[in-house]
Amino acid sequence: MKRIILILIIVAGISLLNSCQKVKDAGATSAVKVANEWWVTLDLGSTKDVFGLGHFRIATYNTSANDNNIWIDDYKNGWQVKFKSQVDYKTLTFSANAAQNEYYNITVNQTDGKILPKAGHSKSGNVADSIHMKVEFSDDPGNIYEMNGVERTRFPQDDY
């Protein structure tokens, strides 16, 4: 009987030690390194801010599947697009081929997407992550637009 109790105590102790392992980023989504809001401009070739929109807000965030896809959403502020892009979390790069737009019926090709940690500066000069991507919309084929900008710091002096 003492032997059974000793075995149960050892098994319980091992189970307790295994359950105490540190959980990495509990509650964080897979997209935590690339998810943010951004202030971007829409450029076409050498023409900066091609439509005179100035800086407008977009977002990158995880999908409900919490997989290797993210949503890119301009909140209908720019071209009125929301589409899924495949992301490589190790290199912070992303791209999409003929991704369906959720706001109206077009597709989007998105290339050269990347997040550059601490490579930009906000409106007031704070160091911030930078974002870059090229996009082509099926309702304007042949024109490759660039979205470039910096993360939204949420400081009032940095909001456009």
C-alpha atoms as a PDB file:
ATOM      1  CA  MET A   1       0.000   0.000   0.000  1.00  0.00           C
ATOM      2  CA  LYS A   2       2.858   2.374   0.835  1.00  0.00           C
ATOM      3  CA  ARG A   3       4.365   1.602  -2.563  1.00  0.00           C
ATOM      4  CA  ILE A   4       1.137   2.595  -4.379  1.00  0.00           C
ATOM      5  CA  ILE A   5       0.880   5.844  -2.423  1.00  0.00           C
ATOM      6  CA  LEU A   6       4.543   6.634  -3.177  1.00  0.00           C
ATOM      7  CA  ILE A   7       4.009   5.978  -6.915  1.00  0.00           C
ATOM      8  CA  LEU A   8       0.911   8.218  -6.916  1.00  0.00           C
ATOM      9  CA  ILE A   9       2.852  11.022  -5.191  1.00  0.00           C
ATOM     10  CA  ILE A  10       5.698  10.749  -7.745  1.00  0.00           C
ATOM     11  CA  VAL A  11       3.254  10.764 -10.695  1.00  0.00           C
ATOM     12  CA  ALA A  12       1.407  13.758  -9.218  1.00  0.00           C
ATOM     13  CA  GLY A  13       4.702  15.599  -8.678  1.00  0.00           C
ATOM     14  CA  ILE A  14       5.843  15.003 -12.267  1.00  0.00           C
ATOM     15  CA  SER A  15       2.452  16.114 -13.576  1.00  0.00           C
ATOM     16  CA  LEU A  16       2.635  19.276 -11.470  1.00  0.00           C
ATOM     17  CA  LEU A  17       6.128  20.114 -12.748  1.00  0.00           C
ATOM     18  CA  ASN A  18       5.038  19.649 -16.372  1.00  0.00           C
ATOM     19  CA  SER A  19       1.986  21.855 -15.895  1.00  0.00           C
ATOM     20  CA  CYS A  20       4.119  24.709 -14.544  1.00  0.00           C
ATOM     21  CA  GLN A  21       5.991  25.300 -17.788  1.00  0.00           C
ATOM     22  CA  LYS A  22       5.909  28.917 -18.892  1.00  0.00           C
ATOM     23  CA  VAL A  23       3.275  29.697 -21.531  1.00  0.00           C
ATOM     24  CA  LYS A  24       4.645  31.962 -24.267  1.00  0.00           C
ATOM     25  CA  ASP A  25       2.429  34.986 -25.013  1.00  0.00           C
ATOM     26  CA  ALA A  26      -0.726  33.528 -23.526  1.00  0.00           C
ATOM     27  CA  GLY A  27      -3.730  35.079 -25.228  1.00  0.00           C
ATOM     28  CA  ALA A  28      -1.757  36.611 -28.099  1.00  0.00           C
ATOM     29  CA  THR A  29      -2.851  35.892 -31.658  1.00  0.00           C
ATOM     30  CA  SER A  30      -0.515  34.506 -34.288  1.00  0.00           C
ATOM     31  CA  ALA A  31      -0.505  37.954 -35.956  1.00  0.00           C
ATOM     32  CA  VAL A  32       0.725  39.851 -32.888  1.00  0.00           C
ATOM     33  CA  LYS A  33       3.973  40.957 -34.606  1.00  0.00           C
ATOM     34  CA  VAL A  34       2.221  42.398 -37.679  1.00  0.00           C
ATOM     35  CA  ALA A  35      -1.143  43.509 -36.317  1.00  0.00           C
ATOM     36  CA  ASN A  36      -1.542  47.259 -35.971  1.00  0.00           C
ATOM     37  CA  GLU A  37      -3.141  50.375 -37.347  1.00  0.00           C
ATOM     38  CA  TRP A  38      -1.106  52.399 -39.800  1.00  0.00           C
ATOM     39  CA  TRP A  39      -1.056  55.864 -41.369  1.00  0.00           C
ATOM     40  CA  VAL A  40      -0.279  55.357 -45.068  1.00  0.00           C
ATOM     41  CA  THR A  41      -0.308  57.206 -48.369  1.00  0.00           C
ATOM     42  CA  LEU A  42      -1.299  55.761 -51.741  1.00  0.00           C
ATOM     43  CA  ASP A  43       1.330  56.516 -54.362  1.00  0.00           C
ATOM     44  CA  LEU A  44       1.545  55.685 -58.074  1.00  0.00           C
ATOM     45  CA  GLY A  45       5.056  55.723 -59.509  1.00  0.00           C
ATOM     46  CA  SER A  46       6.669  59.084 -58.832  1.00  0.00           C
ATOM     47  CA  THR A  47       3.286  60.657 -58.013  1.00  0.00           C
ATOM     48  CA  LYS A  48       2.979  60.795 -54.240  1.00  0.00           C
ATOM     49  CA  ASP A  49      -0.517  60.742 -52.721  1.00  0.00           C
ATOM     50  CA  VAL A  50      -1.984  60.159 -56.172  1.00  0.00           C
ATOM     51  CA  PHE A  51      -5.618  60.881 -55.196  1.00  0.00           C
ATOM     52  CA  GLY A  52      -4.959  63.676 -52.688  1.00  0.00           C
ATOM     53  CA  LEU A  53      -6.139  61.571 -49.761  1.00  0.00           C
ATOM     54  CA  GLY A  54      -3.230  62.492 -47.526  1.00  0.00           C
ATOM     55  CA  HIS A  55      -2.417  59.994 -44.834  1.00  0.00           C
ATOM     56  CA  PHE A  56      -5.263  57.598 -44.188  1.00  0.00           C
ATOM     57  CA  ARG A  57      -5.679  54.837 -41.648  1.00  0.00           C
ATOM     58  CA  ILE A  58      -5.491  51.142 -42.485  1.00  0.00           C
ATOM     59  CA  ALA A  59      -5.275  48.093 -40.255  1.00  0.00           C
ATOM     60  CA  THR A  60      -3.574  44.720 -40.336  1.00  0.00           C
ATOM     61  CA  TYR A  61      -5.041  42.080 -38.051  1.00  0.00           C
ATOM     62  CA  ASN A  62      -5.494  38.345 -37.607  1.00  0.00           C
ATOM     63  CA  THR A  63      -8.208  36.287 -39.248  1.00  0.00           C
ATOM     64  CA  SER A  64     -10.625  34.288 -37.126  1.00  0.00           C
ATOM     65  CA  ALA A  65      -8.712  31.135 -38.099  1.00  0.00           C
ATOM     66  CA  ASN A  66      -5.636  32.640 -36.375  1.00  0.00           C
ATOM     67  CA  ASP A  67      -3.430  31.117 -39.076  1.00  0.00           C
ATOM     68  CA  ASN A  68      -0.833  32.458 -41.507  1.00  0.00           C
ATOM     69  CA  ASN A  69      -3.248  34.982 -43.028  1.00  0.00           C
ATOM     70  CA  ILE A  70      -3.991  38.547 -42.002  1.00  0.00           C
ATOM     71  CA  TRP A  71      -6.647  41.027 -43.016  1.00  0.00           C
ATOM     72  CA  ILE A  72      -5.547  44.250 -44.659  1.00  0.00           C
ATOM     73  CA  ASP A  73      -8.367  46.739 -44.208  1.00  0.00           C
ATOM     74  CA  ASP A  74      -8.441  50.393 -45.264  1.00  0.00           C
ATOM     75  CA  TYR A  75     -11.767  51.002 -43.462  1.00  0.00           C
ATOM     76  CA  LYS A  76     -13.075  52.307 -46.811  1.00  0.00           C
ATOM     77  CA  ASN A  77     -10.703  55.282 -46.450  1.00  0.00           C
ATOM     78  CA  GLY A  78      -8.565  54.632 -49.537  1.00  0.00           C
ATOM     79  CA  TRP A  79      -9.519  52.240 -52.325  1.00  0.00           C
ATOM     80  CA  GLN A  80     -12.221  50.669 -50.130  1.00  0.00           C
ATOM     81  CA  VAL A  81     -10.496  47.328 -49.709  1.00  0.00           C
ATOM     82  CA  LYS A  82     -10.425  44.588 -47.142  1.00  0.00           C
ATOM     83  CA  PHE A  83      -8.647  41.416 -48.208  1.00  0.00           C
ATOM     84  CA  LYS A  84      -6.638  38.520 -46.827  1.00  0.00           C
ATOM     85  CA  SER A  85      -2.895  38.370 -47.282  1.00  0.00           C
ATOM     86  CA  GLN A  86      -0.606  35.442 -46.498  1.00  0.00           C
ATOM     87  CA  VAL A  87       2.082  36.349 -43.962  1.00  0.00           C
ATOM     88  CA  ASP A  88       5.468  34.937 -42.981  1.00  0.00           C
ATOM     89  CA  TYR A  89       5.753  35.811 -39.299  1.00  0.00           C
ATOM     90  CA  LYS A  90       9.510  35.151 -39.175  1.00  0.00           C
ATOM     91  CA  THR A  91      10.374  37.674 -41.903  1.00  0.00           C
ATOM     92  CA  LEU A  92       7.375  39.991 -41.310  1.00  0.00           C
ATOM     93  CA  THR A  93       6.500  39.832 -45.013  1.00  0.00           C
ATOM     94  CA  PHE A  94       3.115  39.298 -46.652  1.00  0.00           C
ATOM     95  CA  SER A  95       1.537  38.926 -50.098  1.00  0.00           C
ATOM     96  CA  ALA A  96      -1.732  38.053 -51.818  1.00  0.00           C
ATOM     97  CA  ASN A  97      -2.652  36.870 -55.299  1.00  0.00           C
ATOM     98  CA  ALA A  98      -6.149  37.612 -56.597  1.00  0.00           C
ATOM     99  CA  ALA A  99      -7.476  38.108 -53.056  1.00  0.00           C
ATOM    100  CA  GLN A 100     -11.194  38.809 -52.917  1.00  0.00           C
ATOM    101  CA  ASN A 101     -12.108  42.283 -51.686  1.00  0.00           C
ATOM    102  CA  GLU A 102     -14.781  42.240 -48.997  1.00  0.00           C
ATOM    103  CA  TYR A 103     -16.182  45.738 -49.656  1.00  0.00           C
ATOM    104  CA  TYR A 104     -17.044  45.393 -53.342  1.00  0.00           C
ATOM    105  CA  ASN A 105     -16.472  42.789 -56.028  1.00  0.00           C
ATOM    106  CA  ILE A 106     -12.854  43.124 -57.164  1.00  0.00           C
ATOM    107  CA  THR A 107      -9.656  41.195 -56.505  1.00  0.00           C
ATOM    108  CA  VAL A 108      -6.364  42.514 -55.206  1.00  0.00           C
ATOM    109  CA  ASN A 109      -2.808  41.483 -55.991  1.00  0.00           C
ATOM    110  CA  GLN A 110      -0.524  42.560 -53.186  1.00  0.00           C
ATOM    111  CA  THR A 111       3.285  42.147 -53.297  1.00  0.00           C
ATOM    112  CA  ASP A 112       6.389  43.310 -51.452  1.00  0.00           C
ATOM    113  CA  GLY A 113       4.483  43.620 -48.182  1.00  0.00           C
ATOM    114  CA  LYS A 114       6.733  44.092 -45.201  1.00  0.00           C
ATOM    115  CA  ILE A 115       6.793  45.436 -41.687  1.00  0.00           C
ATOM    116  CA  LEU A 116      10.051  47.144 -40.742  1.00  0.00           C
ATOM    117  CA  PRO A 117      10.389  47.342 -36.947  1.00  0.00           C
ATOM    118  CA  LYS A 118      11.468  50.770 -35.690  1.00  0.00           C
ATOM    119  CA  ALA A 119      12.366  51.908 -39.235  1.00  0.00           C
ATOM    120  CA  GLY A 120      10.050  54.918 -39.407  1.00  0.00           C
ATOM    121  CA  HIS A 121       9.082  58.057 -37.559  1.00  0.00           C
ATOM    122  CA  SER A 122       5.617  59.233 -36.652  1.00  0.00           C
ATOM    123  CA  LYS A 123       4.282  62.682 -37.478  1.00  0.00           C
ATOM    124  CA  SER A 124       5.794  64.125 -34.279  1.00  0.00           C
ATOM    125  CA  GLY A 125       9.108  62.272 -34.656  1.00  0.00           C
ATOM    126  CA  ASN A 126       8.536  59.226 -32.454  1.00  0.00           C
ATOM    127  CA  VAL A 127      10.334  56.075 -33.617  1.00  0.00           C
ATOM    128  CA  ALA A 128       7.720  53.740 -35.106  1.00  0.00           C
ATOM    129  CA  ASP A 129       7.366  50.583 -37.157  1.00  0.00           C
ATOM    130  CA  SER A 130       7.064  51.126 -40.886  1.00  0.00           C
ATOM    131  CA  ILE A 131       4.861  49.343 -43.437  1.00  0.00           C
ATOM    132  CA  HIS A 132       5.261  48.985 -47.193  1.00  0.00           C
ATOM    133  CA  MET A 133       3.310  47.104 -49.870  1.00  0.00           C
ATOM    134  CA  LYS A 134       2.477  47.239 -53.562  1.00  0.00           C
ATOM    135  CA  VAL A 135      -1.125  46.667 -54.640  1.00  0.00           C
ATOM    136  CA  GLU A 136      -2.908  46.210 -57.949  1.00  0.00           C
ATOM    137  CA  PHE A 137      -6.695  46.341 -58.116  1.00  0.00           C
ATOM    138  CA  SER A 138      -8.632  44.359 -60.728  1.00  0.00           C
ATOM    139  CA  ASP A 139     -10.779  47.423 -61.499  1.00  0.00           C
ATOM    140  CA  ASP A 140      -7.602  49.365 -62.409  1.00  0.00           C
ATOM    141  CA  PRO A 141      -5.370  46.704 -64.015  1.00  0.00           C
ATOM    142  CA  GLY A 142      -1.775  47.543 -64.830  1.00  0.00           C
ATOM    143  CA  ASN A 143      -1.423  50.301 -62.233  1.00  0.00           C
ATOM    144  CA  ILE A 144       0.746  49.207 -59.316  1.00  0.00           C
ATOM    145  CA  TYR A 145       0.131  51.451 -56.303  1.00  0.00           C
ATOM    146  CA  GLU A 146       2.384  51.665 -53.276  1.00  0.00           C
ATOM    147  CA  MET A 147       1.143  52.015 -49.717  1.00  0.00           C
ATOM    148  CA  ASN A 148       3.814  53.345 -47.409  1.00  0.00           C
ATOM    149  CA  GLY A 149       3.497  54.545 -43.874  1.00  0.00           C
ATOM    150  CA  VAL A 150       4.112  54.170 -40.179  1.00  0.00           C
ATOM    151  CA  GLU A 151       2.304  52.595 -37.294  1.00  0.00           C
ATOM    152  CA  ARG A 152      -0.361  54.526 -35.456  1.00  0.00           C
ATOM    153  CA  THR A 153       1.206  55.374 -32.075  1.00  0.00           C
ATOM    154  CA  ARG A 154      -2.123  56.566 -30.644  1.00  0.00           C
ATOM    155  CA  PHE A 155      -0.468  59.735 -29.359  1.00  0.00           C
ATOM    156  CA  PRO A 156      -2.759  62.658 -30.295  1.00  0.00           C
ATOM    157  CA  GLN A 157       0.127  64.570 -31.855  1.00  0.00           C
ATOM    158  CA  ASP A 158       0.760  61.650 -34.263  1.00  0.00           C
ATOM    159  CA  ASP A 159      -2.777  61.263 -35.595  1.00  0.00           C
ATOM    160  CA  TYR A 160      -3.442  62.887 -38.947  1.00  0.00           C
END
